[in-house]
Amino acid sequence: MSHYETAEIVAKSFFSKDKTTLKKHTTSAGYSSFIMGLNAMPNSKKKIEIEILDEVTDGKIAWVRYKTSFDGRTGIFKLVKENGLWKVTNKNPKDKGPF
């Protein structure tokens, strides 16, 4: 699965509060960050659409900029290769992404 396909799955699972799918496609640090956000987010029954706006890979790190129909905002995911699979991880304040 590509890094941008993984990013789309993570965004959809986050906004629909699908913890099982979210955990499968994130690192342990990334999952912990998402869980904190899930607890503060209101429930929504609407179908979430994700639009990938831009993506960049540099070896075993990838960045994906996306927009969701949930709130219309853009977001950026940092992904890393873990056991040969792309997984969304948390961004550190010192991370200088391409966007």
PDB file of N, CA and C in Angstrom:
ATOM      1  N   MET A   1       0.848  -1.174   0.000  1.00  0.00           N
ATOM      2  CA  MET A   1       0.000   0.000   0.000  1.00  0.00           C
ATOM      3  C   MET A   1       0.894   1.238   0.000  1.00  0.00           C
ATOM      4  N   SER A   2       0.524   2.226  -0.777  1.00  0.00           N
ATOM      5  CA  SER A   2       1.339   3.437  -0.877  1.00  0.00           C
ATOM      6  C   SER A   2       1.161   4.327   0.355  1.00  0.00           C
ATOM      7  N   HIS A   3       2.046   5.283   0.489  1.00  0.00           N
ATOM      8  CA  HIS A   3       1.978   6.211   1.622  1.00  0.00           C
ATOM      9  C   HIS A   3       0.715   7.065   1.564  1.00  0.00           C
ATOM     10  N   TYR A   4       0.302   7.491   0.380  1.00  0.00           N
ATOM     11  CA  TYR A   4      -0.903   8.319   0.302  1.00  0.00           C
ATOM     12  C   TYR A   4      -2.178   7.504   0.507  1.00  0.00           C
ATOM     13  N   GLU A   5      -2.169   6.223   0.131  1.00  0.00           N
ATOM     14  CA  GLU A   5      -3.322   5.360   0.432  1.00  0.00           C
ATOM     15  C   GLU A   5      -3.437   5.143   1.947  1.00  0.00           C
ATOM     16  N   THR A   6      -2.294   4.963   2.595  1.00  0.00           N
ATOM     17  CA  THR A   6      -2.287   4.815   4.054  1.00  0.00           C
ATOM     18  C   THR A   6      -2.806   6.085   4.712  1.00  0.00           C
ATOM     19  N   ALA A   7      -2.360   7.239   4.241  1.00  0.00           N
ATOM     20  CA  ALA A   7      -2.815   8.516   4.804  1.00  0.00           C
ATOM     21  C   ALA A   7      -4.328   8.664   4.674  1.00  0.00           C
ATOM     22  N   GLU A   8      -4.881   8.280   3.533  1.00  0.00           N
ATOM     23  CA  GLU A   8      -6.320   8.367   3.326  1.00  0.00           C
ATOM     24  C   GLU A   8      -7.075   7.462   4.311  1.00  0.00           C
ATOM     25  N   ILE A   9      -6.594   6.257   4.496  1.00  0.00           N
ATOM     26  CA  ILE A   9      -7.222   5.316   5.435  1.00  0.00           C
ATOM     27  C   ILE A   9      -7.170   5.867   6.857  1.00  0.00           C
ATOM     28  N   VAL A  10      -6.031   6.427   7.246  1.00  0.00           N
ATOM     29  CA  VAL A  10      -5.885   6.965   8.599  1.00  0.00           C
ATOM     30  C   VAL A  10      -6.825   8.152   8.810  1.00  0.00           C
ATOM     31  N   ALA A  11      -6.894   9.049   7.848  1.00  0.00           N
ATOM     32  CA  ALA A  11      -7.795  10.204   7.987  1.00  0.00           C
ATOM     33  C   ALA A  11      -9.245   9.752   8.113  1.00  0.00           C
ATOM     34  N   LYS A  12      -9.674   8.831   7.261  1.00  0.00           N
ATOM     35  CA  LYS A  12     -11.054   8.340   7.325  1.00  0.00           C
ATOM     36  C   LYS A  12     -11.322   7.638   8.652  1.00  0.00           C
ATOM     37  N   SER A  13     -10.392   6.811   9.104  1.00  0.00           N
ATOM     38  CA  SER A  13     -10.616   6.084  10.355  1.00  0.00           C
ATOM     39  C   SER A  13     -10.602   7.033  11.549  1.00  0.00           C
ATOM     40  N   PHE A  14      -9.801   8.083  11.496  1.00  0.00           N
ATOM     41  CA  PHE A  14      -9.787   9.057  12.588  1.00  0.00           C
ATOM     42  C   PHE A  14     -11.136   9.774  12.685  1.00  0.00           C
ATOM     43  N   PHE A  15     -11.600  10.323  11.584  1.00  0.00           N
ATOM     44  CA  PHE A  15     -12.831  11.108  11.621  1.00  0.00           C
ATOM     45  C   PHE A  15     -14.079  10.249  11.837  1.00  0.00           C
ATOM     46  N   SER A  16     -13.991   8.958  11.544  1.00  0.00           N
ATOM     47  CA  SER A  16     -15.121   8.071  11.821  1.00  0.00           C
ATOM     48  C   SER A  16     -14.935   7.320  13.150  1.00  0.00           C
ATOM     49  N   LYS A  17     -13.838   7.614  13.850  1.00  0.00           N
ATOM     50  CA  LYS A  17     -13.513   7.030  15.161  1.00  0.00           C
ATOM     51  C   LYS A  17     -13.375   5.505  15.114  1.00  0.00           C
ATOM     52  N   ASP A  18     -12.781   4.997  14.044  1.00  0.00           N
ATOM     53  CA  ASP A  18     -12.523   3.565  13.882  1.00  0.00           C
ATOM     54  C   ASP A  18     -11.141   3.265  14.471  1.00  0.00           C
ATOM     55  N   LYS A  19     -11.095   2.984  15.753  1.00  0.00           N
ATOM     56  CA  LYS A  19      -9.828   2.794  16.457  1.00  0.00           C
ATOM     57  C   LYS A  19      -9.039   1.587  15.964  1.00  0.00           C
ATOM     58  N   THR A  20      -9.723   0.523  15.578  1.00  0.00           N
ATOM     59  CA  THR A  20      -9.043  -0.688  15.117  1.00  0.00           C
ATOM     60  C   THR A  20      -8.243  -0.407  13.843  1.00  0.00           C
ATOM     61  N   THR A  21      -8.877   0.241  12.871  1.00  0.00           N
ATOM     62  CA  THR A  21      -8.190   0.577  11.619  1.00  0.00           C
ATOM     63  C   THR A  21      -7.107   1.609  11.869  1.00  0.00           C
ATOM     64  N   LEU A  22      -7.398   2.573  12.705  1.00  0.00           N
ATOM     65  CA  LEU A  22      -6.424   3.612  13.032  1.00  0.00           C
ATOM     66  C   LEU A  22      -5.150   2.996  13.616  1.00  0.00           C
ATOM     67  N   LYS A  23      -5.305   2.080  14.534  1.00  0.00           N
ATOM     68  CA  LYS A  23      -4.152   1.451  15.177  1.00  0.00           C
ATOM     69  C   LYS A  23      -3.322   0.638  14.182  1.00  0.00           C
ATOM     70  N   LYS A  24      -3.998  -0.009  13.241  1.00  0.00           N
ATOM     71  CA  LYS A  24      -3.313  -0.845  12.252  1.00  0.00           C
ATOM     72  C   LYS A  24      -2.402  -0.036  11.326  1.00  0.00           C
ATOM     73  N   HIS A  25      -2.746   1.225  11.078  1.00  0.00           N
ATOM     74  CA  HIS A  25      -2.029   2.035  10.084  1.00  0.00           C
ATOM     75  C   HIS A  25      -1.225   3.180  10.685  1.00  0.00           C
ATOM     76  N   THR A  26      -0.980   3.120  12.007  1.00  0.00           N
ATOM     77  CA  THR A  26      -0.177   4.153  12.656  1.00  0.00           C
ATOM     78  C   THR A  26       0.906   3.505  13.510  1.00  0.00           C
ATOM     79  N   THR A  27       1.939   4.261  13.793  1.00  0.00           N
ATOM     80  CA  THR A  27       2.952   3.795  14.740  1.00  0.00           C
ATOM     81  C   THR A  27       2.354   3.897  16.136  1.00  0.00           C
ATOM     82  N   SER A  28       2.997   3.324  17.122  1.00  0.00           N
ATOM     83  CA  SER A  28       2.459   3.411  18.486  1.00  0.00           C
ATOM     84  C   SER A  28       2.412   4.859  18.964  1.00  0.00           C
ATOM     85  N   ALA A  29       3.424   5.655  18.635  1.00  0.00           N
ATOM     86  CA  ALA A  29       3.424   7.068  19.018  1.00  0.00           C
ATOM     87  C   ALA A  29       2.326   7.829  18.277  1.00  0.00           C
ATOM     88  N   GLY A  30       2.148   7.520  17.007  1.00  0.00           N
ATOM     89  CA  GLY A  30       1.089   8.168  16.228  1.00  0.00           C
ATOM     90  C   GLY A  30      -0.290   7.824  16.755  1.00  0.00           C
ATOM     91  N   TYR A  31      -0.490   6.559  17.095  1.00  0.00           N
ATOM     92  CA  TYR A  31      -1.781   6.117  17.621  1.00  0.00           C
ATOM     93  C   TYR A  31      -2.106   6.833  18.933  1.00  0.00           C
ATOM     94  N   SER A  32      -1.129   6.954  19.811  1.00  0.00           N
ATOM     95  CA  SER A  32      -1.342   7.649  21.086  1.00  0.00           C
ATOM     96  C   SER A  32      -1.784   9.092  20.866  1.00  0.00           C
ATOM     97  N   SER A  33      -1.171   9.764  19.912  1.00  0.00           N
ATOM     98  CA  SER A  33      -1.556  11.145  19.602  1.00  0.00           C
ATOM     99  C   SER A  33      -2.980  11.224  19.062  1.00  0.00           C
ATOM    100  N   PHE A  34      -3.330  10.296  18.189  1.00  0.00           N
ATOM    101  CA  PHE A  34      -4.677  10.298  17.615  1.00  0.00           C
ATOM    102  C   PHE A  34      -5.748  10.023  18.671  1.00  0.00           C
ATOM    103  N   ILE A  35      -5.464   9.119  19.589  1.00  0.00           N
ATOM    104  CA  ILE A  35      -6.447   8.765  20.616  1.00  0.00           C
ATOM    105  C   ILE A  35      -6.793   9.978  21.470  1.00  0.00           C
ATOM    106  N   MET A  36      -5.814  10.795  21.804  1.00  0.00           N
ATOM    107  CA  MET A  36      -6.095  12.011  22.572  1.00  0.00           C
ATOM    108  C   MET A  36      -7.042  12.922  21.795  1.00  0.00           C
ATOM    109  N   GLY A  37      -6.825  13.039  20.494  1.00  0.00           N
ATOM    110  CA  GLY A  37      -7.690  13.867  19.663  1.00  0.00           C
ATOM    111  C   GLY A  37      -9.086  13.296  19.502  1.00  0.00           C
ATOM    112  N   LEU A  38      -9.184  11.979  19.425  1.00  0.00           N
ATOM    113  CA  LEU A  38     -10.492  11.335  19.271  1.00  0.00           C
ATOM    114  C   LEU A  38     -11.411  11.613  20.449  1.00  0.00           C
ATOM    115  N   ASN A  39     -10.853  11.637  21.629  1.00  0.00           N
ATOM    116  CA  ASN A  39     -11.658  11.844  22.823  1.00  0.00           C
ATOM    117  C   ASN A  39     -12.282  13.235  22.868  1.00  0.00           C
ATOM    118  N   ALA A  40     -11.675  14.195  22.213  1.00  0.00           N
ATOM    119  CA  ALA A  40     -12.191  15.567  22.211  1.00  0.00           C
ATOM    120  C   ALA A  40     -13.082  15.863  21.004  1.00  0.00           C
ATOM    121  N   MET A  41     -13.140  14.952  20.056  1.00  0.00           N
ATOM    122  CA  MET A  41     -13.876  15.195  18.810  1.00  0.00           C
ATOM    123  C   MET A  41     -15.333  14.740  18.924  1.00  0.00           C
ATOM    124  N   PRO A  42     -16.275  15.538  18.383  1.00  0.00           N
ATOM    125  CA  PRO A  42     -17.680  15.118  18.402  1.00  0.00           C
ATOM    126  C   PRO A  42     -17.924  13.956  17.438  1.00  0.00           C
ATOM    127  N   ASN A  43     -18.950  13.172  17.720  1.00  0.00           N
ATOM    128  CA  ASN A  43     -19.317  12.065  16.838  1.00  0.00           C
ATOM    129  C   ASN A  43     -19.964  12.614  15.569  1.00  0.00           C
ATOM    130  N   SER A  44     -19.744  11.915  14.465  1.00  0.00           N
ATOM    131  CA  SER A  44     -20.334  12.304  13.193  1.00  0.00           C
ATOM    132  C   SER A  44     -20.757  11.049  12.437  1.00  0.00           C
ATOM    133  N   LYS A  45     -21.915  11.083  11.857  1.00  0.00           N
ATOM    134  CA  LYS A  45     -22.425   9.943  11.088  1.00  0.00           C
ATOM    135  C   LYS A  45     -22.210  10.133   9.584  1.00  0.00           C
ATOM    136  N   LYS A  46     -21.761  11.327   9.175  1.00  0.00           N
ATOM    137  CA  LYS A  46     -21.620  11.568   7.745  1.00  0.00           C
ATOM    138  C   LYS A  46     -20.406  10.860   7.164  1.00  0.00           C
ATOM    139  N   LYS A  47     -20.496  10.531   5.882  1.00  0.00           N
ATOM    140  CA  LYS A  47     -19.397   9.869   5.178  1.00  0.00           C
ATOM    141  C   LYS A  47     -18.265  10.884   4.980  1.00  0.00           C
ATOM    142  N   ILE A  48     -17.074  10.476   5.302  1.00  0.00           N
ATOM    143  CA  ILE A  48     -15.910  11.354   5.211  1.00  0.00           C
ATOM    144  C   ILE A  48     -15.194  11.131   3.884  1.00  0.00           C
ATOM    145  N   GLU A  49     -14.996  12.205   3.151  1.00  0.00           N
ATOM    146  CA  GLU A  49     -14.234  12.171   1.900  1.00  0.00           C
ATOM    147  C   GLU A  49     -12.871  12.803   2.147  1.00  0.00           C
ATOM    148  N   ILE A  50     -11.845  12.203   1.577  1.00  0.00           N
ATOM    149  CA  ILE A  50     -10.474  12.684   1.724  1.00  0.00           C
ATOM    150  C   ILE A  50      -9.926  13.031   0.345  1.00  0.00           C
ATOM    151  N   GLU A  51      -9.311  14.186   0.255  1.00  0.00           N
ATOM    152  CA  GLU A  51      -8.653  14.587  -0.991  1.00  0.00           C
ATOM    153  C   GLU A  51      -7.161  14.760  -0.698  1.00  0.00           C
ATOM    154  N   ILE A  52      -6.333  14.015  -1.412  1.00  0.00           N
ATOM    155  CA  ILE A  52      -4.880  14.148  -1.275  1.00  0.00           C
ATOM    156  C   ILE A  52      -4.451  15.338  -2.126  1.00  0.00           C
ATOM    157  N   LEU A  53      -3.841  16.333  -1.486  1.00  0.00           N
ATOM    158  CA  LEU A  53      -3.451  17.555  -2.180  1.00  0.00           C
ATOM    159  C   LEU A  53      -2.011  17.534  -2.660  1.00  0.00           C
ATOM    160  N   ASP A  54      -1.152  16.874  -1.894  1.00  0.00           N
ATOM    161  CA  ASP A  54       0.269  16.835  -2.260  1.00  0.00           C
ATOM    162  C   ASP A  54       0.941  15.721  -1.470  1.00  0.00           C
ATOM    163  N   GLU A  55       2.025  15.209  -2.002  1.00  0.00           N
ATOM    164  CA  GLU A  55       2.775  14.168  -1.307  1.00  0.00           C
ATOM    165  C   GLU A  55       4.224  14.200  -1.743  1.00  0.00           C
ATOM    166  N   VAL A  56       5.092  13.869  -0.794  1.00  0.00           N
ATOM    167  CA  VAL A  56       6.529  13.845  -1.043  1.00  0.00           C
ATOM    168  C   VAL A  56       7.119  12.666  -0.274  1.00  0.00           C
ATOM    169  N   THR A  57       8.003  11.918  -0.923  1.00  0.00           N
ATOM    170  CA  THR A  57       8.718  10.856  -0.225  1.00  0.00           C
ATOM    171  C   THR A  57      10.214  11.141  -0.274  1.00  0.00           C
ATOM    172  N   ASP A  58      10.875  10.742   0.793  1.00  0.00           N
ATOM    173  CA  ASP A  58      12.326  10.876   0.873  1.00  0.00           C
ATOM    174  C   ASP A  58      12.845   9.638   1.598  1.00  0.00           C
ATOM    175  N   GLY A  59      13.057   8.587   0.827  1.00  0.00           N
ATOM    176  CA  GLY A  59      13.514   7.334   1.424  1.00  0.00           C
ATOM    177  C   GLY A  59      12.430   6.666   2.232  1.00  0.00           C
ATOM    178  N   LYS A  60      12.657   6.570   3.536  1.00  0.00           N
ATOM    179  CA  LYS A  60      11.700   5.892   4.410  1.00  0.00           C
ATOM    180  C   LYS A  60      10.786   6.860   5.157  1.00  0.00           C
ATOM    181  N   ILE A  61      10.740   8.104   4.704  1.00  0.00           N
ATOM    182  CA  ILE A  61       9.836   9.107   5.279  1.00  0.00           C
ATOM    183  C   ILE A  61       9.003   9.690   4.143  1.00  0.00           C
ATOM    184  N   ALA A  62       7.718   9.882   4.425  1.00  0.00           N
ATOM    185  CA  ALA A  62       6.833  10.501   3.433  1.00  0.00           C
ATOM    186  C   ALA A  62       5.974  11.544   4.142  1.00  0.00           C
ATOM    187  N   TRP A  63       5.549  12.527   3.376  1.00  0.00           N
ATOM    188  CA  TRP A  63       4.652  13.573   3.866  1.00  0.00           C
ATOM    189  C   TRP A  63       3.455  13.629   2.936  1.00  0.00           C
ATOM    190  N   VAL A  64       2.267  13.728   3.503  1.00  0.00           N
ATOM    191  CA  VAL A  64       1.048  13.803   2.704  1.00  0.00           C
ATOM    192  C   VAL A  64       0.199  14.959   3.229  1.00  0.00           C
ATOM    193  N   ARG A  65      -0.151  15.868   2.336  1.00  0.00           N
ATOM    194  CA  ARG A  65      -1.059  16.969   2.674  1.00  0.00           C
ATOM    195  C   ARG A  65      -2.427  16.597   2.129  1.00  0.00           C
ATOM    196  N   TYR A  66      -3.454  16.723   2.963  1.00  0.00           N
ATOM    197  CA  TYR A  66      -4.793  16.274   2.602  1.00  0.00           C
ATOM    198  C   TYR A  66      -5.845  17.281   3.058  1.00  0.00           C
ATOM    199  N   LYS A  67      -7.046  17.097   2.545  1.00  0.00           N
ATOM    200  CA  LYS A  67      -8.200  17.907   2.946  1.00  0.00           C
ATOM    201  C   LYS A  67      -9.357  16.943   3.169  1.00  0.00           C
ATOM    202  N   THR A  68     -10.171  17.197   4.210  1.00  0.00           N
ATOM    203  CA  THR A  68     -11.297  16.314   4.499  1.00  0.00           C
ATOM    204  C   THR A  68     -12.624  17.043   4.346  1.00  0.00           C
ATOM    205  N   SER A  69     -13.654  16.261   4.077  1.00  0.00           N
ATOM    206  CA  SER A  69     -14.998  16.825   4.025  1.00  0.00           C
ATOM    207  C   SER A  69     -15.567  16.999   5.433  1.00  0.00           C
ATOM    208  N   PHE A  70     -14.902  16.456   6.445  1.00  0.00           N
ATOM    209  CA  PHE A  70     -15.380  16.551   7.825  1.00  0.00           C
ATOM    210  C   PHE A  70     -15.463  18.007   8.271  1.00  0.00           C
ATOM    211  N   ASP A  71     -14.371  18.743   8.044  1.00  0.00           N
ATOM    212  CA  ASP A  71     -14.345  20.137   8.467  1.00  0.00           C
ATOM    213  C   ASP A  71     -13.774  21.082   7.402  1.00  0.00           C
ATOM    214  N   GLY A  72     -13.386  20.538   6.253  1.00  0.00           N
ATOM    215  CA  GLY A  72     -12.869  21.360   5.163  1.00  0.00           C
ATOM    216  C   GLY A  72     -11.445  21.845   5.364  1.00  0.00           C
ATOM    217  N   ARG A  73     -10.826  21.463   6.430  1.00  0.00           N
ATOM    218  CA  ARG A  73      -9.458  21.903   6.713  1.00  0.00           C
ATOM    219  C   ARG A  73      -8.443  20.980   6.062  1.00  0.00           C
ATOM    220  N   THR A  74      -7.247  21.528   5.883  1.00  0.00           N
ATOM    221  CA  THR A  74      -6.158  20.696   5.383  1.00  0.00           C
ATOM    222  C   THR A  74      -5.334  20.207   6.571  1.00  0.00           C
ATOM    223  N   GLY A  75      -4.665  19.109   6.367  1.00  0.00           N
ATOM    224  CA  GLY A  75      -3.791  18.554   7.386  1.00  0.00           C
ATOM    225  C   GLY A  75      -2.584  17.927   6.723  1.00  0.00           C
ATOM    226  N   ILE A  76      -1.600  17.617   7.520  1.00  0.00           N
ATOM    227  CA  ILE A  76      -0.371  16.992   7.012  1.00  0.00           C
ATOM    228  C   ILE A  76      -0.043  15.792   7.888  1.00  0.00           C
ATOM    229  N   PHE A  77       0.218  14.682   7.233  1.00  0.00           N
ATOM    230  CA  PHE A  77       0.672  13.483   7.921  1.00  0.00           C
ATOM    231  C   PHE A  77       2.131  13.240   7.599  1.00  0.00           C
ATOM    232  N   LYS A  78       2.874  12.793   8.603  1.00  0.00           N
ATOM    233  CA  LYS A  78       4.224  12.287   8.415  1.00  0.00           C
ATOM    234  C   LYS A  78       4.108  10.769   8.497  1.00  0.00           C
ATOM    235  N   LEU A  79       4.665  10.082   7.518  1.00  0.00           N
ATOM    236  CA  LEU A  79       4.632   8.621   7.494  1.00  0.00           C
ATOM    237  C   LEU A  79       6.051   8.072   7.499  1.00  0.00           C
ATOM    238  N   VAL A  80       6.203   6.921   8.118  1.00  0.00           N
ATOM    239  CA  VAL A  80       7.490   6.227   8.149  1.00  0.00           C
ATOM    240  C   VAL A  80       7.258   4.775   7.756  1.00  0.00           C
ATOM    241  N   LYS A  81       8.312   4.157   7.268  1.00  0.00           N
ATOM    242  CA  LYS A  81       8.248   2.722   6.964  1.00  0.00           C
ATOM    243  C   LYS A  81       8.503   1.950   8.254  1.00  0.00           C
ATOM    244  N   GLU A  82       7.579   1.051   8.567  1.00  0.00           N
ATOM    245  CA  GLU A  82       7.714   0.193   9.740  1.00  0.00           C
ATOM    246  C   GLU A  82       7.414  -1.228   9.294  1.00  0.00           C
ATOM    247  N   ASN A  83       8.412  -2.085   9.376  1.00  0.00           N
ATOM    248  CA  ASN A  83       8.285  -3.475   8.910  1.00  0.00           C
ATOM    249  C   ASN A  83       7.804  -3.541   7.457  1.00  0.00           C
ATOM    250  N   GLY A  84       8.306  -2.630   6.636  1.00  0.00           N
ATOM    251  CA  GLY A  84       7.979  -2.617   5.217  1.00  0.00           C
ATOM    252  C   GLY A  84       6.655  -1.965   4.856  1.00  0.00           C
ATOM    253  N   LEU A  85       5.920  -1.457   5.853  1.00  0.00           N
ATOM    254  CA  LEU A  85       4.621  -0.825   5.600  1.00  0.00           C
ATOM    255  C   LEU A  85       4.665   0.648   5.983  1.00  0.00           C
ATOM    256  N   TRP A  86       3.963   1.479   5.211  1.00  0.00           N
ATOM    257  CA  TRP A  86       3.841   2.889   5.564  1.00  0.00           C
ATOM    258  C   TRP A  86       2.882   3.024   6.729  1.00  0.00           C
ATOM    259  N   LYS A  87       3.301   3.816   7.735  1.00  0.00           N
ATOM    260  CA  LYS A  87       2.452   4.089   8.891  1.00  0.00           C
ATOM    261  C   LYS A  87       2.550   5.565   9.242  1.00  0.00           C
ATOM    262  N   VAL A  88       1.418   6.127   9.618  1.00  0.00           N
ATOM    263  CA  VAL A  88       1.399   7.527  10.036  1.00  0.00           C
ATOM    264  C   VAL A  88       1.973   7.601  11.440  1.00  0.00           C
ATOM    265  N   THR A  89       2.837   8.563  11.660  1.00  0.00           N
ATOM    266  CA  THR A  89       3.445   8.768  12.963  1.00  0.00           C
ATOM    267  C   THR A  89       3.205  10.205  13.403  1.00  0.00           C
ATOM    268  N   ASN A  90       3.580  10.516  14.621  1.00  0.00           N
ATOM    269  CA  ASN A  90       3.404  11.890  15.074  1.00  0.00           C
ATOM    270  C   ASN A  90       4.554  12.752  14.573  1.00  0.00           C
ATOM    271  N   LYS A  91       4.247  14.028  14.397  1.00  0.00           N
ATOM    272  CA  LYS A  91       5.260  14.985  13.956  1.00  0.00           C
ATOM    273  C   LYS A  91       5.860  15.652  15.190  1.00  0.00           C
ATOM    274  N   ASN A  92       7.162  15.795  15.175  1.00  0.00           N
ATOM    275  CA  ASN A  92       7.842  16.523  16.239  1.00  0.00           C
ATOM    276  C   ASN A  92       7.879  18.001  15.879  1.00  0.00           C
ATOM    277  N   PRO A  93       7.900  18.886  16.863  1.00  0.00           N
ATOM    278  CA  PRO A  93       7.962  20.322  16.565  1.00  0.00           C
ATOM    279  C   PRO A  93       9.172  20.705  15.704  1.00  0.00           C
ATOM    280  N   LYS A  94      10.233  19.916  15.789  1.00  0.00           N
ATOM    281  CA  LYS A  94      11.451  20.222  15.016  1.00  0.00           C
ATOM    282  C   LYS A  94      11.377  19.703  13.579  1.00  0.00           C
ATOM    283  N   ASP A  95      10.377  18.886  13.260  1.00  0.00           N
ATOM    284  CA  ASP A  95      10.253  18.342  11.903  1.00  0.00           C
ATOM    285  C   ASP A  95      10.010  19.457  10.904  1.00  0.00           C
ATOM    286  N   LYS A  96      10.815  19.466   9.876  1.00  0.00           N
ATOM    287  CA  LYS A  96      10.663  20.444   8.790  1.00  0.00           C
ATOM    288  C   LYS A  96      10.130  19.703   7.573  1.00  0.00           C
ATOM    289  N   GLY A  97       8.828  19.649   7.454  1.00  0.00           N
ATOM    290  CA  GLY A  97       8.216  18.996   6.313  1.00  0.00           C
ATOM    291  C   GLY A  97       8.316  19.840   5.060  1.00  0.00           C
ATOM    292  N   PRO A  98       7.975  19.291   3.919  1.00  0.00           N
ATOM    293  CA  PRO A  98       8.092  19.996   2.653  1.00  0.00           C
ATOM    294  C   PRO A  98       6.969  21.003   2.376  1.00  0.00           C
ATOM    295  N   PHE A  99       5.925  21.007   3.202  1.00  0.00           N
ATOM    296  CA  PHE A  99       4.799  21.923   2.935  1.00  0.00           C
ATOM    297  C   PHE A  99       4.703  22.980   4.011  1.00  0.00           C
TER     298      PHE A  99
END
